[in-house]
Amino acid sequence: MASKKILAEKQAAVADILDKVKRSKGIALVDYRGMASVPTSELRSDMRKEKVEYKVLKNRLVLRALKEAGYNGFDKILEGPTAIAFGYEDPTAPARVFKKHIKDGKPVFKAGIVEGQVMDATAIEAVANIPSKEILVAQLLGMLTMPLRSLAVALDQIAQKKA
């Protein structure tokens, strides 16, 4: 009787993780060994600000959910202590927030999934360097308005010379 209850609990946990994986635009997995508890609370706070869900889950359950979602090759990655972050809005947010909190090489990126693409540790670390969508939009707008500003300054200079 107890084993059926435990099995049902594990199946429910896998279903919950599978739902998170399917809803996520970005997922980052890290080896969290060496993180102190105070930085972890700051990490969780930053994750919440970026609308990222941070969890430490059992590797076997995560592996089963990832396989059900169609992602393979995580057998070796999901060994040892693993923290996982699910980004539901910005696909780069989980990796970017982790990157902000990595000190002295700890925690270490293991892998990730961004917009359905499985990425190794090196690739997910590169994704972590991409600015947020808001910053990218602001940079684009700045680049688009620069020629107009330059034209306005030049016209103002000409008007002042004629006056």
Protein backbone atom coordinates (compact mmCIF):
# COMPACT_ATOMS: atom_id res chain seq x y z
CA MET A 1 0.00 0.00 0.00
CA ALA A 2 2.80 2.40 0.91
CA SER A 3 4.72 1.68 -2.28
CA LYS A 4 1.65 2.55 -4.40
CA LYS A 5 1.36 5.84 -2.53
CA ILE A 6 5.06 6.60 -3.09
CA LEU A 7 4.75 5.68 -6.78
CA ALA A 8 1.73 7.97 -7.14
CA GLU A 9 3.65 10.81 -5.45
CA LYS A 10 6.61 10.32 -7.80
CA GLN A 11 4.32 10.24 -10.84
CA ALA A 12 2.67 13.47 -9.68
CA ALA A 13 6.10 15.06 -9.17
CA VAL A 14 7.20 14.03 -12.69
CA ALA A 15 3.96 15.43 -14.12
CA ASP A 16 4.58 18.74 -12.32
CA ILE A 17 8.16 18.95 -13.61
CA LEU A 18 6.98 18.02 -17.12
CA ASP A 19 4.47 20.88 -16.99
CA LYS A 20 7.23 23.30 -15.97
CA VAL A 21 9.49 22.05 -18.79
CA LYS A 22 6.73 22.44 -21.39
CA ARG A 23 5.83 25.97 -20.23
CA SER A 24 9.44 27.15 -20.04
CA LYS A 25 11.08 29.26 -22.72
CA GLY A 26 14.46 28.78 -21.04
CA ILE A 27 15.89 26.28 -18.56
CA ALA A 28 19.30 26.34 -16.89
CA LEU A 29 20.82 23.50 -14.87
CA VAL A 30 23.73 24.10 -12.49
CA ASP A 31 25.82 22.15 -10.04
CA TYR A 32 25.16 24.19 -6.92
CA ARG A 33 27.94 22.75 -4.73
CA GLY A 34 29.84 25.45 -2.91
CA MET A 35 27.01 27.99 -2.73
CA ALA A 36 26.53 29.54 0.68
CA SER A 37 23.01 29.93 2.09
CA VAL A 38 23.03 33.76 2.03
CA PRO A 39 23.91 34.02 -1.67
CA THR A 40 21.28 31.34 -2.32
CA SER A 41 18.59 33.54 -0.77
CA GLU A 42 19.78 36.46 -2.91
CA LEU A 43 19.72 34.17 -5.94
CA ARG A 44 16.14 33.13 -5.18
CA SER A 45 15.14 36.79 -4.79
CA ASP A 46 16.70 37.73 -8.15
CA MET A 47 15.03 34.72 -9.77
CA ARG A 48 11.63 35.89 -8.52
CA LYS A 49 12.26 39.42 -9.86
CA GLU A 50 12.97 37.95 -13.32
CA LYS A 51 9.90 35.65 -13.09
CA VAL A 52 12.09 32.55 -12.99
CA GLU A 53 11.25 29.52 -10.89
CA TYR A 54 14.27 28.07 -9.04
CA LYS A 55 14.13 24.52 -7.73
CA VAL A 56 16.35 21.77 -6.41
CA LEU A 57 14.69 18.56 -7.56
CA LYS A 58 15.57 14.88 -7.61
CA ASN A 59 17.68 14.11 -10.67
CA ARG A 60 15.76 10.93 -11.54
CA LEU A 61 12.44 12.79 -11.57
CA VAL A 62 13.85 15.62 -13.72
CA LEU A 63 15.42 13.08 -16.09
CA ARG A 64 12.12 11.24 -16.49
CA ALA A 65 10.24 14.51 -17.14
CA LEU A 66 12.83 15.66 -19.69
CA LYS A 67 12.61 12.33 -21.52
CA GLU A 68 8.81 12.57 -21.58
CA ALA A 69 9.18 16.08 -23.05
CA GLY A 70 11.42 14.69 -25.79
CA TYR A 71 14.81 15.83 -24.48
CA ASN A 72 17.46 13.13 -24.35
CA GLY A 73 21.12 13.05 -23.38
CA PHE A 74 20.72 14.31 -19.83
CA ASP A 75 21.73 11.03 -18.14
CA LYS A 76 25.33 12.13 -17.42
CA ILE A 77 24.37 15.78 -16.84
CA LEU A 78 21.91 14.95 -14.09
CA GLU A 79 24.47 13.44 -11.73
CA GLY A 80 25.35 15.06 -8.44
CA PRO A 81 23.61 18.05 -6.91
CA THR A 82 21.59 19.93 -9.53
CA ALA A 83 19.58 23.12 -9.29
CA ILE A 84 17.20 23.98 -12.10
CA ALA A 85 15.68 27.29 -13.11
CA PHE A 86 12.61 27.58 -15.33
CA GLY A 87 12.14 30.84 -17.24
CA TYR A 88 8.57 31.30 -18.42
CA GLU A 89 8.90 34.72 -20.09
CA ASP A 90 12.52 35.52 -21.01
CA PRO A 91 14.43 32.48 -22.34
CA THR A 92 17.80 33.92 -21.26
CA ALA A 93 16.77 34.92 -17.73
CA PRO A 94 17.56 31.64 -15.90
CA ALA A 95 21.13 31.50 -17.23
CA ARG A 96 21.64 35.26 -16.83
CA VAL A 97 20.58 35.26 -13.16
CA PHE A 98 22.73 32.22 -12.39
CA LYS A 99 25.69 33.89 -14.12
CA LYS A 100 25.26 36.97 -11.92
CA HIS A 101 25.64 34.80 -8.82
CA ILE A 102 28.53 32.62 -9.93
CA LYS A 103 31.57 33.45 -7.81
CA ASP A 104 34.89 31.60 -7.88
CA GLY A 105 33.53 29.13 -10.42
CA LYS A 106 30.66 28.01 -8.16
CA PRO A 107 27.98 27.06 -9.06
CA VAL A 108 28.90 25.56 -12.41
CA PHE A 109 26.62 25.43 -15.44
CA LYS A 110 25.74 21.87 -16.46
CA ALA A 111 23.41 22.42 -19.43
CA GLY A 112 20.24 24.16 -20.49
CA ILE A 113 17.36 24.39 -22.90
CA VAL A 114 16.56 27.65 -24.69
CA GLU A 115 13.55 27.90 -26.98
CA GLY A 116 13.50 24.10 -27.33
CA GLN A 117 17.23 23.78 -28.15
CA VAL A 118 19.37 21.67 -25.82
CA MET A 119 22.62 23.43 -24.96
CA ASP A 120 25.77 22.21 -23.28
CA ALA A 121 27.49 24.08 -20.44
CA THR A 122 29.52 26.31 -22.79
CA ALA A 123 26.52 27.30 -24.88
CA ILE A 124 24.28 28.05 -21.89
CA GLU A 125 27.06 30.19 -20.41
CA ALA A 126 27.16 32.14 -23.68
CA VAL A 127 23.38 32.61 -23.44
CA ALA A 128 23.91 34.01 -19.94
CA ASN A 129 25.84 36.91 -21.50
CA ILE A 130 22.87 38.01 -23.63
CA PRO A 131 21.20 41.09 -22.12
CA SER A 132 17.51 41.05 -21.22
CA LYS A 133 14.89 41.81 -23.84
CA GLU A 134 14.27 45.28 -22.37
CA ILE A 135 17.95 46.20 -22.64
CA LEU A 136 18.16 44.88 -26.20
CA VAL A 137 15.09 46.92 -27.22
CA ALA A 138 16.56 50.06 -25.61
CA GLN A 139 19.86 49.52 -27.44
CA LEU A 140 18.04 49.04 -30.74
CA LEU A 141 16.00 52.20 -30.24
CA GLY A 142 19.15 54.12 -29.40
CA MET A 143 20.80 52.91 -32.60
CA LEU A 144 17.72 53.78 -34.68
CA THR A 145 17.38 57.32 -33.30
CA MET A 146 21.09 58.20 -33.51
CA PRO A 147 21.03 59.23 -37.21
CA LEU A 148 18.03 61.48 -36.53
CA ARG A 149 19.80 63.10 -33.58
CA SER A 150 22.91 63.66 -35.68
CA LEU A 151 20.82 65.27 -38.42
CA ALA A 152 19.05 67.52 -35.90
CA VAL A 153 22.38 68.65 -34.43
CA ALA A 154 23.80 69.35 -37.91
CA LEU A 155 20.71 71.36 -38.92
CA ASP A 156 20.89 73.29 -35.65
CA GLN A 157 24.56 74.10 -36.32
CA ILE A 158 23.70 75.37 -39.82
CA ALA A 159 20.82 77.48 -38.45
CA GLN A 160 23.08 79.04 -35.82
CA LYS A 161 25.73 79.96 -38.44
CA LYS A 162 23.14 81.69 -40.62
CA ALA A 163 21.69 83.66 -37.72
